[in-house]
Amino acid sequence: MCVSAPTCFASRTGTIYTVAFGYNADIFRIDFGRHGAYHRFLGDVELIGTRDGHTEVLSAKTVWELLYFGERSHPPVDTTPVGDDRPLIIGHQA
């Protein structure tokens, strides 16, 4: 499993949230060439909320989606087959 770097943000109520996800397996992916990509995959998510010295941690299995329609300046960085012989498509956007 590949784990993302945690993303942190603060709410208007002062709660600090940290979100991290772990990649487990692809469900679907398609490369639109220079005009974007779609990637759906399985993984784990962890949400940590901290406020006034109290911390709550939630974790679950999840489905993640990355849908990108913008122009890409170059083709995908890594086009080597992954597992089921489909090319990895979003190396430079991940």
Protein backbone atom coordinates (compact mmCIF):
# COMPACT_ATOMS: atom_id res chain seq x y z
CA MET A 1 0.00 0.00 0.00
CA CYS A 2 1.26 3.47 -0.90
CA VAL A 3 0.39 6.23 1.60
CA SER A 4 -0.05 9.87 0.64
CA ALA A 5 1.49 12.76 2.52
CA PRO A 6 -1.15 14.03 4.96
CA THR A 7 -3.11 17.13 4.01
CA CYS A 8 -4.01 19.56 6.81
CA PHE A 9 -6.60 22.32 6.98
CA ALA A 10 -8.46 24.32 9.62
CA SER A 11 -12.22 24.81 9.85
CA ARG A 12 -13.99 28.04 10.83
CA THR A 13 -14.63 26.49 14.26
CA GLY A 14 -10.89 26.12 14.91
CA THR A 15 -10.72 22.36 14.43
CA ILE A 16 -7.55 21.23 12.65
CA TYR A 17 -8.15 18.31 10.27
CA THR A 18 -5.53 16.00 8.82
CA VAL A 19 -6.50 13.69 5.95
CA ALA A 20 -4.30 10.90 4.56
CA PHE A 21 -5.09 8.11 2.16
CA GLY A 22 -3.43 4.84 1.27
CA TYR A 23 -3.54 3.38 -2.23
CA ASN A 24 -4.34 -0.36 -2.42
CA ALA A 25 -5.51 -1.26 -5.95
CA ASP A 26 -6.84 0.18 -9.20
CA ILE A 27 -10.48 -0.18 -10.17
CA PHE A 28 -10.41 1.76 -13.44
CA ARG A 29 -8.16 4.19 -15.24
CA ILE A 30 -8.14 5.87 -18.61
CA ASP A 31 -5.72 8.29 -20.19
CA PHE A 32 -7.15 11.08 -22.37
CA GLY A 33 -3.71 11.80 -23.82
CA ARG A 34 -2.75 15.46 -23.53
CA HIS A 35 -6.25 16.36 -22.29
CA GLY A 36 -6.52 14.69 -18.90
CA ALA A 37 -7.10 11.40 -17.17
CA TYR A 38 -9.55 9.49 -14.98
CA HIS A 39 -8.38 7.16 -12.21
CA ARG A 40 -10.56 5.27 -9.71
CA PHE A 41 -8.87 3.18 -7.04
CA LEU A 42 -9.38 1.46 -3.68
CA GLY A 43 -7.63 2.53 -0.51
CA ASP A 44 -7.80 3.50 3.12
CA VAL A 45 -8.54 6.93 4.55
CA GLU A 46 -7.71 8.41 7.93
CA LEU A 47 -9.24 11.65 9.22
CA ILE A 48 -7.82 13.20 12.39
CA GLY A 49 -9.64 16.14 13.98
CA THR A 50 -8.01 18.16 16.78
CA ARG A 51 -9.61 21.00 18.76
CA ASP A 52 -8.94 22.37 22.24
CA GLY A 53 -6.52 19.53 23.02
CA HIS A 54 -8.99 16.77 22.06
CA THR A 55 -8.25 14.48 19.12
CA GLU A 56 -10.61 12.16 17.26
CA VAL A 57 -9.38 9.65 14.67
CA LEU A 58 -11.63 8.05 12.05
CA SER A 59 -10.46 5.51 9.49
CA ALA A 60 -12.20 3.47 6.80
CA LYS A 61 -11.87 1.68 3.47
CA THR A 62 -12.77 3.92 0.54
CA VAL A 63 -12.95 4.46 -3.20
CA TRP A 64 -10.95 7.44 -4.53
CA GLU A 65 -11.34 9.22 -7.85
CA LEU A 66 -9.05 11.55 -9.73
CA LEU A 67 -10.66 13.24 -12.72
CA TYR A 68 -8.57 15.76 -14.60
CA PHE A 69 -9.62 17.49 -17.84
CA GLY A 70 -6.91 20.14 -18.10
CA GLU A 71 -4.24 20.37 -20.74
CA ARG A 72 -1.05 18.47 -19.90
CA SER A 73 2.25 19.91 -20.99
CA HIS A 74 3.76 16.47 -21.67
CA PRO A 75 2.68 12.82 -21.78
CA PRO A 76 2.63 10.73 -18.58
CA VAL A 77 6.02 10.28 -16.94
CA ASP A 78 5.79 6.54 -16.28
CA THR A 79 4.13 4.37 -18.92
CA THR A 80 5.50 1.04 -17.71
CA PRO A 81 2.82 -1.64 -17.19
CA VAL A 82 1.44 -1.99 -13.68
CA GLY A 83 0.17 -5.37 -12.47
CA ASP A 84 -2.45 -6.14 -15.09
CA ASP A 85 -0.40 -4.78 -18.05
CA ARG A 86 -2.27 -1.46 -18.23
CA PRO A 87 0.00 1.60 -18.26
CA LEU A 88 0.27 3.92 -15.28
CA ILE A 89 -1.28 7.17 -16.45
CA ILE A 90 -0.99 9.94 -13.91
CA GLY A 91 2.60 9.80 -12.68
CA HIS A 92 3.30 13.52 -13.09
CA GLN A 93 -0.05 14.62 -11.60
CA ALA A 94 -0.14 12.45 -8.47
